[in-house]
Amino acid sequence: MTILSLQTTLDAEAIGQAAERRLRESPYYFLRALRCRFDAGVVTLVGRVPHGQLKQFAEAIVLRVEGVHAVVNRVEVYDPQRASA
């Protein structure tokens, strides 16, 4: 591994961690459990939320992280009524 590729890897990890930190700081409880993967300017969001609006909020939050140029939103929206049945 070259020094440049090591730096790129570290930068990617730092951006992914920054995106997750933003979600953990959210006032919306369900966003705190989402996970992020970062590669080449793109964050991939994964996890589950009970409402579509929370999925959209998560995307908006990570798009504000420096270095993030796009989001692949793989967050699943589930029906909380069915989850408790």
PDB file of N, CA and C in Angstrom:
ATOM      1  N   MET A   1       0.856  -1.178   0.000  1.00  0.00           N
ATOM      2  CA  MET A   1       0.000   0.000   0.000  1.00  0.00           C
ATOM      3  C   MET A   1       0.901   1.240   0.000  1.00  0.00           C
ATOM      4  N   THR A   2       0.599   2.175  -0.866  1.00  0.00           N
ATOM      5  CA  THR A   2       1.385   3.392  -0.946  1.00  0.00           C
ATOM      6  C   THR A   2       0.891   4.404   0.086  1.00  0.00           C
ATOM      7  N   ILE A   3       1.700   5.414   0.299  1.00  0.00           N
ATOM      8  CA  ILE A   3       1.306   6.466   1.254  1.00  0.00           C
ATOM      9  C   ILE A   3       0.048   7.170   0.764  1.00  0.00           C
ATOM     10  N   LEU A   4      -0.057   7.399  -0.548  1.00  0.00           N
ATOM     11  CA  LEU A   4      -1.235   8.070  -1.092  1.00  0.00           C
ATOM     12  C   LEU A   4      -2.493   7.229  -0.892  1.00  0.00           C
ATOM     13  N   SER A   5      -2.411   5.922  -1.156  1.00  0.00           N
ATOM     14  CA  SER A   5      -3.599   5.085  -0.978  1.00  0.00           C
ATOM     15  C   SER A   5      -3.958   4.948   0.497  1.00  0.00           C
ATOM     16  N   LEU A   6      -2.967   4.948   1.376  1.00  0.00           N
ATOM     17  CA  LEU A   6      -3.230   4.907   2.815  1.00  0.00           C
ATOM     18  C   LEU A   6      -3.941   6.184   3.246  1.00  0.00           C
ATOM     19  N   GLN A   7      -3.498   7.332   2.745  1.00  0.00           N
ATOM     20  CA  GLN A   7      -4.136   8.609   3.084  1.00  0.00           C
ATOM     21  C   GLN A   7      -5.565   8.645   2.569  1.00  0.00           C
ATOM     22  N   THR A   8      -5.781   8.137   1.351  1.00  0.00           N
ATOM     23  CA  THR A   8      -7.122   8.094   0.780  1.00  0.00           C
ATOM     24  C   THR A   8      -8.041   7.218   1.624  1.00  0.00           C
ATOM     25  N   THR A   9      -7.531   6.083   2.077  1.00  0.00           N
ATOM     26  CA  THR A   9      -8.308   5.185   2.934  1.00  0.00           C
ATOM     27  C   THR A   9      -8.658   5.860   4.246  1.00  0.00           C
ATOM     28  N   LEU A  10      -7.682   6.541   4.845  1.00  0.00           N
ATOM     29  CA  LEU A  10      -7.925   7.239   6.106  1.00  0.00           C
ATOM     30  C   LEU A  10      -8.940   8.359   5.925  1.00  0.00           C
ATOM     31  N   ASP A  11      -8.837   9.100   4.818  1.00  0.00           N
ATOM     32  CA  ASP A  11      -9.801  10.163   4.540  1.00  0.00           C
ATOM     33  C   ASP A  11     -11.206   9.593   4.392  1.00  0.00           C
ATOM     34  N   ALA A  12     -11.327   8.477   3.682  1.00  0.00           N
ATOM     35  CA  ALA A  12     -12.633   7.852   3.481  1.00  0.00           C
ATOM     36  C   ALA A  12     -13.219   7.401   4.819  1.00  0.00           C
ATOM     37  N   GLU A  13     -12.396   6.807   5.662  1.00  0.00           N
ATOM     38  CA  GLU A  13     -12.870   6.384   6.986  1.00  0.00           C
ATOM     39  C   GLU A  13     -13.321   7.586   7.801  1.00  0.00           C
ATOM     40  N   ALA A  14     -12.555   8.672   7.744  1.00  0.00           N
ATOM     41  CA  ALA A  14     -12.899   9.873   8.510  1.00  0.00           C
ATOM     42  C   ALA A  14     -14.214  10.473   8.024  1.00  0.00           C
ATOM     43  N   ILE A  15     -14.445  10.485   6.725  1.00  0.00           N
ATOM     44  CA  ILE A  15     -15.685  11.039   6.189  1.00  0.00           C
ATOM     45  C   ILE A  15     -16.866  10.152   6.572  1.00  0.00           C
ATOM     46  N   GLY A  16     -16.696   8.836   6.469  1.00  0.00           N
ATOM     47  CA  GLY A  16     -17.751   7.914   6.888  1.00  0.00           C
ATOM     48  C   GLY A  16     -18.075   8.069   8.359  1.00  0.00           C
ATOM     49  N   GLN A  17     -17.047   8.241   9.178  1.00  0.00           N
ATOM     50  CA  GLN A  17     -17.258   8.428  10.623  1.00  0.00           C
ATOM     51  C   GLN A  17     -17.945   9.769  10.890  1.00  0.00           C
ATOM     52  N   ALA A  18     -17.573  10.801  10.143  1.00  0.00           N
ATOM     53  CA  ALA A  18     -18.209  12.115  10.319  1.00  0.00           C
ATOM     54  C   ALA A  18     -19.696  12.043   9.976  1.00  0.00           C
ATOM     55  N   ALA A  19     -20.020  11.301   8.919  1.00  0.00           N
ATOM     56  CA  ALA A  19     -21.427  11.143   8.534  1.00  0.00           C
ATOM     57  C   ALA A  19     -22.202  10.417   9.632  1.00  0.00           C
ATOM     58  N   GLU A  20     -21.630   9.339  10.161  1.00  0.00           N
ATOM     59  CA  GLU A  20     -22.306   8.617  11.250  1.00  0.00           C
ATOM     60  C   GLU A  20     -22.423   9.480  12.498  1.00  0.00           C
ATOM     61  N   ARG A  21     -21.417  10.267  12.784  1.00  0.00           N
ATOM     62  CA  ARG A  21     -21.466  11.155  13.956  1.00  0.00           C
ATOM     63  C   ARG A  21     -22.615  12.159  13.808  1.00  0.00           C
ATOM     64  N   ARG A  22     -22.796  12.696  12.605  1.00  0.00           N
ATOM     65  CA  ARG A  22     -23.900  13.639  12.375  1.00  0.00           C
ATOM     66  C   ARG A  22     -25.245  12.971  12.635  1.00  0.00           C
ATOM     67  N   LEU A  23     -25.371  11.716  12.202  1.00  0.00           N
ATOM     68  CA  LEU A  23     -26.623  10.992  12.437  1.00  0.00           C
ATOM     69  C   LEU A  23     -26.826  10.725  13.925  1.00  0.00           C
ATOM     70  N   ARG A  24     -25.766  10.360  14.644  1.00  0.00           N
ATOM     71  CA  ARG A  24     -25.878  10.098  16.088  1.00  0.00           C
ATOM     72  C   ARG A  24     -26.238  11.358  16.861  1.00  0.00           C
ATOM     73  N   GLU A  25     -25.872  12.517  16.338  1.00  0.00           N
ATOM     74  CA  GLU A  25     -26.176  13.793  16.994  1.00  0.00           C
ATOM     75  C   GLU A  25     -27.581  14.292  16.656  1.00  0.00           C
ATOM     76  N   SER A  26     -28.268  13.598  15.794  1.00  0.00           N
ATOM     77  CA  SER A  26     -29.597  14.008  15.358  1.00  0.00           C
ATOM     78  C   SER A  26     -30.591  13.930  16.516  1.00  0.00           C
ATOM     79  N   PRO A  27     -31.555  14.831  16.536  1.00  0.00           N
ATOM     80  CA  PRO A  27     -32.610  14.730  17.557  1.00  0.00           C
ATOM     81  C   PRO A  27     -33.570  13.572  17.269  1.00  0.00           C
ATOM     82  N   TYR A  28     -33.470  12.976  16.103  1.00  0.00           N
ATOM     83  CA  TYR A  28     -34.340  11.863  15.726  1.00  0.00           C
ATOM     84  C   TYR A  28     -33.693  10.539  16.130  1.00  0.00           C
ATOM     85  N   TYR A  29     -34.261   9.907  17.119  1.00  0.00           N
ATOM     86  CA  TYR A  29     -33.707   8.688  17.707  1.00  0.00           C
ATOM     87  C   TYR A  29     -33.363   7.617  16.674  1.00  0.00           C
ATOM     88  N   PHE A  30     -34.247   7.355  15.731  1.00  0.00           N
ATOM     89  CA  PHE A  30     -34.053   6.259  14.780  1.00  0.00           C
ATOM     90  C   PHE A  30     -32.883   6.500  13.832  1.00  0.00           C
ATOM     91  N   LEU A  31     -32.509   7.753  13.606  1.00  0.00           N
ATOM     92  CA  LEU A  31     -31.374   8.035  12.732  1.00  0.00           C
ATOM     93  C   LEU A  31     -30.050   7.664  13.383  1.00  0.00           C
ATOM     94  N   ARG A  32     -30.031   7.597  14.685  1.00  0.00           N
ATOM     95  CA  ARG A  32     -28.789   7.311  15.417  1.00  0.00           C
ATOM     96  C   ARG A  32     -28.276   5.904  15.181  1.00  0.00           C
ATOM     97  N   ALA A  33     -29.128   4.980  14.761  1.00  0.00           N
ATOM     98  CA  ALA A  33     -28.719   3.591  14.541  1.00  0.00           C
ATOM     99  C   ALA A  33     -28.311   3.310  13.094  1.00  0.00           C
ATOM    100  N   LEU A  34     -28.470   4.281  12.196  1.00  0.00           N
ATOM    101  CA  LEU A  34     -28.103   4.060  10.799  1.00  0.00           C
ATOM    102  C   LEU A  34     -26.591   3.985  10.646  1.00  0.00           C
ATOM    103  N   ARG A  35     -26.148   3.277   9.633  1.00  0.00           N
ATOM    104  CA  ARG A  35     -24.717   3.120   9.359  1.00  0.00           C
ATOM    105  C   ARG A  35     -24.396   3.715   7.995  1.00  0.00           C
ATOM    106  N   CYS A  36     -23.139   4.142   7.846  1.00  0.00           N
ATOM    107  CA  CYS A  36     -22.675   4.761   6.612  1.00  0.00           C
ATOM    108  C   CYS A  36     -21.424   4.056   6.104  1.00  0.00           C
ATOM    109  N   ARG A  37     -21.368   3.900   4.795  1.00  0.00           N
ATOM    110  CA  ARG A  37     -20.134   3.475   4.129  1.00  0.00           C
ATOM    111  C   ARG A  37     -19.786   4.572   3.144  1.00  0.00           C
ATOM    112  N   PHE A  38     -18.510   4.908   3.050  1.00  0.00           N
ATOM    113  CA  PHE A  38     -18.086   5.990   2.167  1.00  0.00           C
ATOM    114  C   PHE A  38     -17.059   5.481   1.176  1.00  0.00           C
ATOM    115  N   ASP A  39     -17.244   5.848  -0.089  1.00  0.00           N
ATOM    116  CA  ASP A  39     -16.274   5.500  -1.123  1.00  0.00           C
ATOM    117  C   ASP A  39     -16.382   6.509  -2.259  1.00  0.00           C
ATOM    118  N   ALA A  40     -15.274   7.141  -2.570  1.00  0.00           N
ATOM    119  CA  ALA A  40     -15.170   8.036  -3.733  1.00  0.00           C
ATOM    120  C   ALA A  40     -16.257   9.110  -3.769  1.00  0.00           C
ATOM    121  N   GLY A  41     -16.490   9.753  -2.649  1.00  0.00           N
ATOM    122  CA  GLY A  41     -17.453  10.845  -2.598  1.00  0.00           C
ATOM    123  C   GLY A  41     -18.894  10.432  -2.377  1.00  0.00           C
ATOM    124  N   VAL A  42     -19.132   9.125  -2.272  1.00  0.00           N
ATOM    125  CA  VAL A  42     -20.504   8.626  -2.138  1.00  0.00           C
ATOM    126  C   VAL A  42     -20.677   7.920  -0.793  1.00  0.00           C
ATOM    127  N   VAL A  43     -21.692   8.348  -0.034  1.00  0.00           N
ATOM    128  CA  VAL A  43     -22.054   7.674   1.210  1.00  0.00           C
ATOM    129  C   VAL A  43     -23.214   6.738   0.909  1.00  0.00           C
ATOM    130  N   THR A  44     -23.099   5.497   1.387  1.00  0.00           N
ATOM    131  CA  THR A  44     -24.202   4.552   1.318  1.00  0.00           C
ATOM    132  C   THR A  44     -24.784   4.430   2.719  1.00  0.00           C
ATOM    133  N   LEU A  45     -26.061   4.749   2.849  1.00  0.00           N
ATOM    134  CA  LEU A  45     -26.768   4.662   4.121  1.00  0.00           C
ATOM    135  C   LEU A  45     -27.476   3.321   4.215  1.00  0.00           C
ATOM    136  N   VAL A  46     -27.366   2.671   5.367  1.00  0.00           N
ATOM    137  CA  VAL A  46     -28.064   1.409   5.597  1.00  0.00           C
ATOM    138  C   VAL A  46     -28.687   1.406   6.985  1.00  0.00           C
ATOM    139  N   GLY A  47     -29.793   0.702   7.122  1.00  0.00           N
ATOM    140  CA  GLY A  47     -30.483   0.586   8.394  1.00  0.00           C
ATOM    141  C   GLY A  47     -31.982   0.601   8.170  1.00  0.00           C
ATOM    142  N   ARG A  48     -32.728   0.824   9.255  1.00  0.00           N
ATOM    143  CA  ARG A  48     -34.194   0.809   9.206  1.00  0.00           C
ATOM    144  C   ARG A  48     -34.759   1.991   9.979  1.00  0.00           C
ATOM    145  N   VAL A  49     -35.830   2.566   9.461  1.00  0.00           N
ATOM    146  CA  VAL A  49     -36.554   3.639  10.137  1.00  0.00           C
ATOM    147  C   VAL A  49     -38.053   3.397   9.965  1.00  0.00           C
ATOM    148  N   PRO A  50     -38.881   3.931  10.879  1.00  0.00           N
ATOM    149  CA  PRO A  50     -40.321   3.675  10.801  1.00  0.00           C
ATOM    150  C   PRO A  50     -41.099   4.624   9.889  1.00  0.00           C
ATOM    151  N   HIS A  51     -40.448   5.634   9.303  1.00  0.00           N
ATOM    152  CA  HIS A  51     -41.165   6.596   8.473  1.00  0.00           C
ATOM    153  C   HIS A  51     -40.283   7.060   7.317  1.00  0.00           C
ATOM    154  N   GLY A  52     -40.899   7.251   6.162  1.00  0.00           N
ATOM    155  CA  GLY A  52     -40.177   7.705   4.979  1.00  0.00           C
ATOM    156  C   GLY A  52     -39.512   9.053   5.159  1.00  0.00           C
ATOM    157  N   GLN A  53     -40.122   9.927   5.944  1.00  0.00           N
ATOM    158  CA  GLN A  53     -39.537  11.251   6.164  1.00  0.00           C
ATOM    159  C   GLN A  53     -38.190  11.145   6.888  1.00  0.00           C
ATOM    160  N   LEU A  54     -38.057  10.192   7.793  1.00  0.00           N
ATOM    161  CA  LEU A  54     -36.773   9.988   8.480  1.00  0.00           C
ATOM    162  C   LEU A  54     -35.701   9.530   7.505  1.00  0.00           C
ATOM    163  N   LYS A  55     -36.080   8.729   6.537  1.00  0.00           N
ATOM    164  CA  LYS A  55     -35.144   8.294   5.498  1.00  0.00           C
ATOM    165  C   LYS A  55     -34.621   9.515   4.732  1.00  0.00           C
ATOM    166  N   GLN A  56     -35.514  10.419   4.402  1.00  0.00           N
ATOM    167  CA  GLN A  56     -35.127  11.639   3.695  1.00  0.00           C
ATOM    168  C   GLN A  56     -34.264  12.548   4.573  1.00  0.00           C
ATOM    169  N   PHE A  57     -34.590  12.664   5.859  1.00  0.00           N
ATOM    170  CA  PHE A  57     -33.790  13.463   6.778  1.00  0.00           C
ATOM    171  C   PHE A  57     -32.363  12.936   6.848  1.00  0.00           C
ATOM    172  N   ALA A  58     -32.222  11.615   6.927  1.00  0.00           N
ATOM    173  CA  ALA A  58     -30.890  11.014   7.013  1.00  0.00           C
ATOM    174  C   ALA A  58     -30.051  11.393   5.800  1.00  0.00           C
ATOM    175  N   GLU A  59     -30.642  11.315   4.645  1.00  0.00           N
ATOM    176  CA  GLU A  59     -29.926  11.667   3.422  1.00  0.00           C
ATOM    177  C   GLU A  59     -29.496  13.134   3.437  1.00  0.00           C
ATOM    178  N   ALA A  60     -30.393  14.010   3.843  1.00  0.00           N
ATOM    179  CA  ALA A  60     -30.079  15.441   3.897  1.00  0.00           C
ATOM    180  C   ALA A  60     -28.956  15.724   4.889  1.00  0.00           C
ATOM    181  N   ILE A  61     -28.949  15.020   6.005  1.00  0.00           N
ATOM    182  CA  ILE A  61     -27.918  15.237   7.026  1.00  0.00           C
ATOM    183  C   ILE A  61     -26.541  14.852   6.499  1.00  0.00           C
ATOM    184  N   VAL A  62     -26.411  13.683   5.886  1.00  0.00           N
ATOM    185  CA  VAL A  62     -25.077  13.250   5.440  1.00  0.00           C
ATOM    186  C   VAL A  62     -24.615  14.010   4.204  1.00  0.00           C
ATOM    187  N   LEU A  63     -25.536  14.555   3.428  1.00  0.00           N
ATOM    188  CA  LEU A  63     -25.122  15.361   2.274  1.00  0.00           C
ATOM    189  C   LEU A  63     -24.412  16.646   2.696  1.00  0.00           C
ATOM    190  N   ARG A  64     -24.623  17.066   3.928  1.00  0.00           N
ATOM    191  CA  ARG A  64     -23.966  18.284   4.430  1.00  0.00           C
ATOM    192  C   ARG A  64     -22.561  18.030   4.961  1.00  0.00           C
ATOM    193  N   VAL A  65     -22.113  16.769   4.985  1.00  0.00           N
ATOM    194  CA  VAL A  65     -20.765  16.443   5.458  1.00  0.00           C
ATOM    195  C   VAL A  65     -19.760  16.784   4.357  1.00  0.00           C
ATOM    196  N   GLU A  66     -18.709  17.493   4.725  1.00  0.00           N
ATOM    197  CA  GLU A  66     -17.678  17.862   3.757  1.00  0.00           C
ATOM    198  C   GLU A  66     -17.070  16.610   3.134  1.00  0.00           C
ATOM    199  N   GLY A  67     -16.982  16.606   1.819  1.00  0.00           N
ATOM    200  CA  GLY A  67     -16.417  15.473   1.094  1.00  0.00           C
ATOM    201  C   GLY A  67     -17.462  14.535   0.519  1.00  0.00           C
ATOM    202  N   VAL A  68     -18.712  14.680   0.965  1.00  0.00           N
ATOM    203  CA  VAL A  68     -19.797  13.841   0.453  1.00  0.00           C
ATOM    204  C   VAL A  68     -20.425  14.546  -0.748  1.00  0.00           C
ATOM    205  N   HIS A  69     -20.448  13.841  -1.879  1.00  0.00           N
ATOM    206  CA  HIS A  69     -20.999  14.421  -3.106  1.00  0.00           C
ATOM    207  C   HIS A  69     -22.318  13.783  -3.518  1.00  0.00           C
ATOM    208  N   ALA A  70     -22.577  12.578  -2.993  1.00  0.00           N
ATOM    209  CA  ALA A  70     -23.816  11.881  -3.333  1.00  0.00           C
ATOM    210  C   ALA A  70     -24.142  10.870  -2.238  1.00  0.00           C
ATOM    211  N   VAL A  71     -25.402  10.442  -2.210  1.00  0.00           N
ATOM    212  CA  VAL A  71     -25.851   9.453  -1.222  1.00  0.00           C
ATOM    213  C   VAL A  71     -26.617   8.348  -1.935  1.00  0.00           C
ATOM    214  N   VAL A  72     -26.275   7.109  -1.595  1.00  0.00           N
ATOM    215  CA  VAL A  72     -27.076   5.957  -1.990  1.00  0.00           C
ATOM    216  C   VAL A  72     -27.853   5.587  -0.733  1.00  0.00           C
ATOM    217  N   ASN A  73     -29.148   5.795  -0.774  1.00  0.00           N
ATOM    218  CA  ASN A  73     -29.970   5.626   0.418  1.00  0.00           C
ATOM    219  C   ASN A  73     -30.628   4.245   0.396  1.00  0.00           C
ATOM    220  N   ARG A  74     -30.031   3.322   1.141  1.00  0.00           N
ATOM    221  CA  ARG A  74     -30.559   1.959   1.233  1.00  0.00           C
ATOM    222  C   ARG A  74     -31.282   1.731   2.557  1.00  0.00           C
ATOM    223  N   VAL A  75     -31.732   2.801   3.150  1.00  0.00           N
ATOM    224  CA  VAL A  75     -32.469   2.707   4.406  1.00  0.00           C
ATOM    225  C   VAL A  75     -33.847   2.110   4.121  1.00  0.00           C
ATOM    226  N   GLU A  76     -34.207   1.130   4.907  1.00  0.00           N
ATOM    227  CA  GLU A  76     -35.503   0.454   4.769  1.00  0.00           C
ATOM    228  C   GLU A  76     -36.527   1.145   5.660  1.00  0.00           C
ATOM    229  N   VAL A  77     -37.703   1.398   5.111  1.00  0.00           N
ATOM    230  CA  VAL A  77     -38.806   1.959   5.890  1.00  0.00           C
ATOM    231  C   VAL A  77     -39.731   0.803   6.263  1.00  0.00           C
ATOM    232  N   TYR A  78     -39.968   0.653   7.558  1.00  0.00           N
ATOM    233  CA  TYR A  78     -40.848  -0.422   8.016  1.00  0.00           C
ATOM    234  C   TYR A  78     -42.075   0.164   8.678  1.00  0.00           C
ATOM    235  N   ASP A  79     -43.096  -0.654   8.781  1.00  0.00           N
ATOM    236  CA  ASP A  79     -44.362  -0.248   9.395  1.00  0.00           C
ATOM    237  C   ASP A  79     -44.278  -0.570  10.891  1.00  0.00           C
ATOM    238  N   PRO A  80     -44.225   0.451  11.760  1.00  0.00           N
ATOM    239  CA  PRO A  80     -44.101   0.189  13.192  1.00  0.00           C
ATOM    240  C   PRO A  80     -45.293  -0.590  13.761  1.00  0.00           C
ATOM    241  N   GLN A  81     -46.460  -0.476  13.133  1.00  0.00           N
ATOM    242  CA  GLN A  81     -47.627  -1.221  13.585  1.00  0.00           C
ATOM    243  C   GLN A  81     -47.422  -2.724  13.376  1.00  0.00           C
ATOM    244  N   ARG A  82     -46.832  -3.097  12.260  1.00  0.00           N
ATOM    245  CA  ARG A  82     -46.581  -4.507  11.964  1.00  0.00           C
ATOM    246  C   ARG A  82     -45.424  -5.051  12.784  1.00  0.00           C
ATOM    247  N   ALA A  83     -44.452  -4.206  13.074  1.00  0.00           N
ATOM    248  CA  ALA A  83     -43.279  -4.651  13.828  1.00  0.00           C
ATOM    249  C   ALA A  83     -43.657  -5.071  15.245  1.00  0.00           C
ATOM    250  N   SER A  84     -44.688  -4.445  15.812  1.00  0.00           N
ATOM    251  CA  SER A  84     -45.088  -4.762  17.188  1.00  0.00           C
ATOM    252  C   SER A  84     -46.107  -5.886  17.252  1.00  0.00           C
ATOM    253  N   ALA A  85     -46.645  -6.297  16.116  1.00  0.00           N
ATOM    254  CA  ALA A  85     -47.677  -7.360  16.109  1.00  0.00           C
ATOM    255  C   ALA A  85     -47.072  -8.738  16.217  1.00  0.00           C
TER     256      ALA A  85
END
